[in-house]
């Protein structure tokens, strides 16, 4: 799943974005559901089939973390593998 968002601004300078994922809508971002960080405004999440919910926070050079973004929903379809037996 490819994610993208609008850049945040900060008087100290944003150094990274923290990406969070859950299978439950309305979740709160925490260390337990953080799936990665990005220094750009995009992130690729290799996920299995299902529906997922994402939040992003911005972090500045001083270590301050913004409020979470609006929640985004994404659905991933399963891959179909065809095998041929002889």
N, C-alpha and C. Protein backbone atom coordinates (compact mmCIF):
# COMPACT_ATOMS: atom_id res chain seq x y z
N UNK A 1 0.85 -1.16 0.00
CA UNK A 1 0.00 0.00 0.00
C UNK A 1 0.91 1.23 0.00
N UNK A 2 0.68 2.13 -0.95
CA UNK A 2 1.44 3.38 -1.02
C UNK A 2 0.64 4.48 -0.36
N UNK A 3 1.25 5.16 0.59
CA UNK A 3 0.60 6.24 1.32
C UNK A 3 1.29 7.55 0.98
N UNK A 4 0.55 8.64 0.99
CA UNK A 4 1.11 9.96 0.76
C UNK A 4 0.30 11.01 1.50
N UNK A 5 0.95 12.11 1.88
CA UNK A 5 0.27 13.16 2.63
C UNK A 5 0.92 14.50 2.32
N UNK A 6 0.28 15.57 2.77
CA UNK A 6 0.78 16.92 2.59
C UNK A 6 1.84 17.22 3.65
N UNK A 7 2.88 17.92 3.25
CA UNK A 7 3.97 18.24 4.17
C UNK A 7 3.48 19.13 5.31
N UNK A 8 4.02 18.88 6.50
CA UNK A 8 3.74 19.70 7.67
C UNK A 8 4.79 20.82 7.74
N UNK A 9 4.45 21.90 8.40
CA UNK A 9 5.41 22.99 8.61
C UNK A 9 5.61 23.20 10.10
N UNK A 10 6.79 23.67 10.45
CA UNK A 10 7.13 23.86 11.85
C UNK A 10 8.23 24.90 11.93
N UNK A 11 8.25 25.68 13.01
CA UNK A 11 9.27 26.72 13.13
C UNK A 11 10.65 26.15 13.43
N UNK A 12 10.75 24.88 13.84
CA UNK A 12 12.04 24.25 14.10
C UNK A 12 12.45 23.38 12.92
N UNK A 13 11.50 22.92 12.14
CA UNK A 13 11.78 22.09 10.97
C UNK A 13 11.40 20.64 11.19
N UNK A 14 10.50 20.14 10.39
CA UNK A 14 10.06 18.74 10.47
C UNK A 14 11.21 17.85 9.99
N UNK A 15 11.56 16.86 10.79
CA UNK A 15 12.64 15.94 10.42
C UNK A 15 12.14 14.56 10.03
N UNK A 16 10.93 14.19 10.49
CA UNK A 16 10.38 12.90 10.12
C UNK A 16 8.89 12.85 10.37
N UNK A 17 8.28 11.88 9.71
CA UNK A 17 6.86 11.58 9.90
C UNK A 17 6.76 10.19 10.51
N UNK A 18 5.89 10.03 11.49
CA UNK A 18 5.66 8.75 12.15
C UNK A 18 4.35 8.18 11.59
N UNK A 19 4.39 6.94 11.13
CA UNK A 19 3.24 6.32 10.48
C UNK A 19 2.67 5.23 11.39
N UNK A 20 1.36 5.27 11.58
CA UNK A 20 0.66 4.32 12.46
C UNK A 20 -0.43 3.60 11.68
N UNK A 21 -0.66 2.33 12.02
CA UNK A 21 -1.67 1.53 11.33
C UNK A 21 -2.46 0.71 12.35
N UNK A 22 -3.75 0.53 12.05
CA UNK A 22 -4.61 -0.31 12.87
C UNK A 22 -5.65 -0.97 11.98
N UNK A 23 -6.24 -2.04 12.47
CA UNK A 23 -7.37 -2.65 11.77
C UNK A 23 -8.68 -2.15 12.37
N UNK A 24 -8.60 -1.23 13.32
CA UNK A 24 -9.76 -0.67 13.99
C UNK A 24 -9.82 0.83 13.78
N UNK A 25 -10.95 1.32 13.32
CA UNK A 25 -11.14 2.75 13.13
C UNK A 25 -11.17 3.47 14.48
N UNK A 26 -10.72 4.71 14.51
CA UNK A 26 -10.76 5.51 15.73
C UNK A 26 -9.65 5.20 16.71
N UNK A 27 -8.58 4.57 16.25
CA UNK A 27 -7.49 4.20 17.15
C UNK A 27 -6.62 5.41 17.53
N UNK A 28 -5.87 5.26 18.60
CA UNK A 28 -4.95 6.28 19.08
C UNK A 28 -3.53 5.86 18.72
N UNK A 29 -2.73 6.76 18.12
CA UNK A 29 -1.36 6.38 17.77
C UNK A 29 -0.53 6.11 19.03
N UNK A 30 0.26 5.03 18.97
CA UNK A 30 1.11 4.65 20.10
C UNK A 30 2.30 3.88 19.57
N UNK A 31 3.25 3.60 20.44
CA UNK A 31 4.43 2.81 20.05
C UNK A 31 4.02 1.43 19.56
N UNK A 32 2.92 0.90 20.08
CA UNK A 32 2.46 -0.43 19.72
C UNK A 32 1.88 -0.54 18.31
N UNK A 33 1.42 0.58 17.72
CA UNK A 33 0.87 0.51 16.37
C UNK A 33 1.63 1.39 15.38
N UNK A 34 2.81 1.86 15.80
CA UNK A 34 3.66 2.60 14.86
C UNK A 34 4.33 1.58 13.94
N UNK A 35 4.21 1.78 12.63
CA UNK A 35 4.76 0.81 11.68
C UNK A 35 6.02 1.32 11.00
N UNK A 36 6.33 2.59 11.18
CA UNK A 36 7.55 3.10 10.57
C UNK A 36 7.63 4.61 10.60
N UNK A 37 8.72 5.12 10.01
CA UNK A 37 8.94 6.55 9.88
C UNK A 37 9.35 6.85 8.45
N UNK A 38 9.23 8.11 8.09
CA UNK A 38 9.63 8.55 6.76
C UNK A 38 10.16 9.97 6.86
N UNK A 39 11.18 10.28 6.09
CA UNK A 39 11.68 11.65 6.02
C UNK A 39 11.04 12.40 4.86
N UNK A 40 10.19 11.72 4.11
CA UNK A 40 9.45 12.34 3.00
C UNK A 40 7.96 12.24 3.29
N UNK A 41 7.15 12.69 2.36
CA UNK A 41 5.69 12.66 2.56
C UNK A 41 5.06 11.44 1.92
N UNK A 42 5.78 10.33 1.97
CA UNK A 42 5.22 9.07 1.46
C UNK A 42 5.80 7.90 2.25
N UNK A 43 5.08 6.78 2.17
CA UNK A 43 5.48 5.57 2.88
C UNK A 43 4.83 4.39 2.16
N UNK A 44 5.58 3.30 2.02
CA UNK A 44 5.04 2.09 1.43
C UNK A 44 4.88 1.04 2.51
N UNK A 45 3.68 0.51 2.64
CA UNK A 45 3.37 -0.48 3.67
C UNK A 45 3.00 -1.79 2.99
N UNK A 46 3.87 -2.80 3.07
CA UNK A 46 3.56 -4.10 2.45
C UNK A 46 2.59 -4.89 3.33
N UNK A 47 1.31 -4.82 3.02
CA UNK A 47 0.28 -5.41 3.88
C UNK A 47 -0.43 -6.57 3.20
N UNK A 48 -1.01 -7.40 4.02
CA UNK A 48 -1.85 -8.50 3.53
C UNK A 48 -3.22 -7.94 3.18
N UNK A 49 -4.04 -8.75 2.57
CA UNK A 49 -5.39 -8.33 2.20
C UNK A 49 -6.17 -7.92 3.44
N UNK A 50 -6.97 -6.88 3.30
CA UNK A 50 -7.80 -6.43 4.41
C UNK A 50 -8.02 -4.93 4.36
N UNK A 51 -8.71 -4.42 5.37
CA UNK A 51 -8.96 -2.99 5.50
C UNK A 51 -8.13 -2.47 6.66
N UNK A 52 -7.46 -1.34 6.42
CA UNK A 52 -6.55 -0.77 7.41
C UNK A 52 -6.83 0.72 7.58
N UNK A 53 -6.46 1.23 8.74
CA UNK A 53 -6.64 2.63 9.07
C UNK A 53 -5.27 3.20 9.42
N UNK A 54 -4.99 4.42 8.94
CA UNK A 54 -3.67 5.02 9.12
C UNK A 54 -3.78 6.41 9.73
N UNK A 55 -2.77 6.75 10.52
CA UNK A 55 -2.57 8.09 11.06
C UNK A 55 -1.11 8.45 10.86
N UNK A 56 -0.82 9.73 10.73
CA UNK A 56 0.56 10.21 10.60
C UNK A 56 0.75 11.37 11.56
N UNK A 57 1.91 11.43 12.22
CA UNK A 57 2.30 12.60 13.00
C UNK A 57 3.62 13.12 12.44
N UNK A 58 3.86 14.41 12.62
CA UNK A 58 5.11 15.03 12.21
C UNK A 58 5.97 15.26 13.44
N UNK A 59 7.27 15.09 13.29
CA UNK A 59 8.20 15.29 14.40
C UNK A 59 9.27 16.28 13.96
N UNK A 60 9.57 17.27 14.82
CA UNK A 60 10.56 18.27 14.45
C UNK A 60 11.93 17.96 15.05
N UNK A 61 12.90 18.79 14.72
CA UNK A 61 14.28 18.59 15.14
C UNK A 61 14.44 18.64 16.66
N UNK A 62 13.52 19.31 17.35
CA UNK A 62 13.57 19.39 18.80
C UNK A 62 12.89 18.20 19.48
N UNK A 63 12.31 17.28 18.68
CA UNK A 63 11.64 16.11 19.23
C UNK A 63 10.17 16.31 19.51
N UNK A 64 9.63 17.48 19.20
CA UNK A 64 8.21 17.74 19.38
C UNK A 64 7.41 16.97 18.33
N UNK A 65 6.28 16.39 18.75
CA UNK A 65 5.44 15.60 17.85
C UNK A 65 4.08 16.29 17.71
N UNK A 66 3.61 16.40 16.47
CA UNK A 66 2.33 17.05 16.20
C UNK A 66 1.17 16.17 16.63
N UNK A 67 0.00 16.75 16.58
CA UNK A 67 -1.23 15.97 16.73
C UNK A 67 -1.33 15.04 15.53
N UNK A 68 -2.11 13.99 15.67
CA UNK A 68 -2.27 13.03 14.57
C UNK A 68 -3.07 13.64 13.43
N UNK A 69 -2.79 13.16 12.25
CA UNK A 69 -3.54 13.56 11.06
C UNK A 69 -4.97 13.04 11.15
N UNK A 70 -5.77 13.41 10.17
CA UNK A 70 -7.07 12.76 10.01
C UNK A 70 -6.81 11.31 9.65
N UNK A 71 -7.71 10.44 10.04
CA UNK A 71 -7.57 9.01 9.75
C UNK A 71 -7.86 8.74 8.28
N UNK A 72 -7.02 7.91 7.68
CA UNK A 72 -7.23 7.48 6.29
C UNK A 72 -7.51 5.99 6.30
N UNK A 73 -8.39 5.56 5.40
CA UNK A 73 -8.75 4.16 5.28
C UNK A 73 -8.22 3.62 3.96
N UNK A 74 -7.70 2.40 3.99
CA UNK A 74 -7.22 1.77 2.77
C UNK A 74 -7.61 0.30 2.78
N UNK A 75 -7.98 -0.20 1.61
CA UNK A 75 -8.32 -1.62 1.47
C UNK A 75 -7.35 -2.24 0.49
N UNK A 76 -6.87 -3.42 0.85
CA UNK A 76 -5.93 -4.14 -0.01
C UNK A 76 -6.58 -5.46 -0.41
N UNK A 77 -6.58 -5.73 -1.70
CA UNK A 77 -7.14 -6.99 -2.20
C UNK A 77 -6.08 -8.08 -2.13
N UNK A 78 -6.50 -9.30 -1.99
CA UNK A 78 -5.55 -10.41 -1.93
C UNK A 78 -5.00 -10.70 -3.31
N UNK A 79 -3.79 -11.21 -3.34
CA UNK A 79 -3.19 -11.64 -4.60
C UNK A 79 -3.70 -13.04 -4.91
N UNK A 80 -3.92 -13.30 -6.16
CA UNK A 80 -4.35 -14.62 -6.58
C UNK A 80 -3.16 -15.35 -7.18
N UNK A 81 -2.86 -16.50 -6.66
CA UNK A 81 -1.75 -17.31 -7.15
C UNK A 81 -2.32 -18.53 -7.84
N UNK A 82 -1.94 -18.72 -9.07
CA UNK A 82 -2.40 -19.87 -9.83
C UNK A 82 -1.24 -20.87 -9.91
N UNK A 83 -1.52 -22.09 -9.51
CA UNK A 83 -0.51 -23.14 -9.58
C UNK A 83 -0.98 -24.21 -10.54
N UNK A 84 -0.05 -24.72 -11.26
CA UNK A 84 -0.38 -25.76 -12.23
C UNK A 84 0.31 -27.05 -11.79
N UNK A 85 -0.48 -28.08 -11.62
CA UNK A 85 0.06 -29.37 -11.20
C UNK A 85 -0.01 -30.36 -12.36
N UNK A 86 0.99 -31.21 -12.45
CA UNK A 86 1.00 -32.26 -13.50
C UNK A 86 0.90 -33.59 -12.88
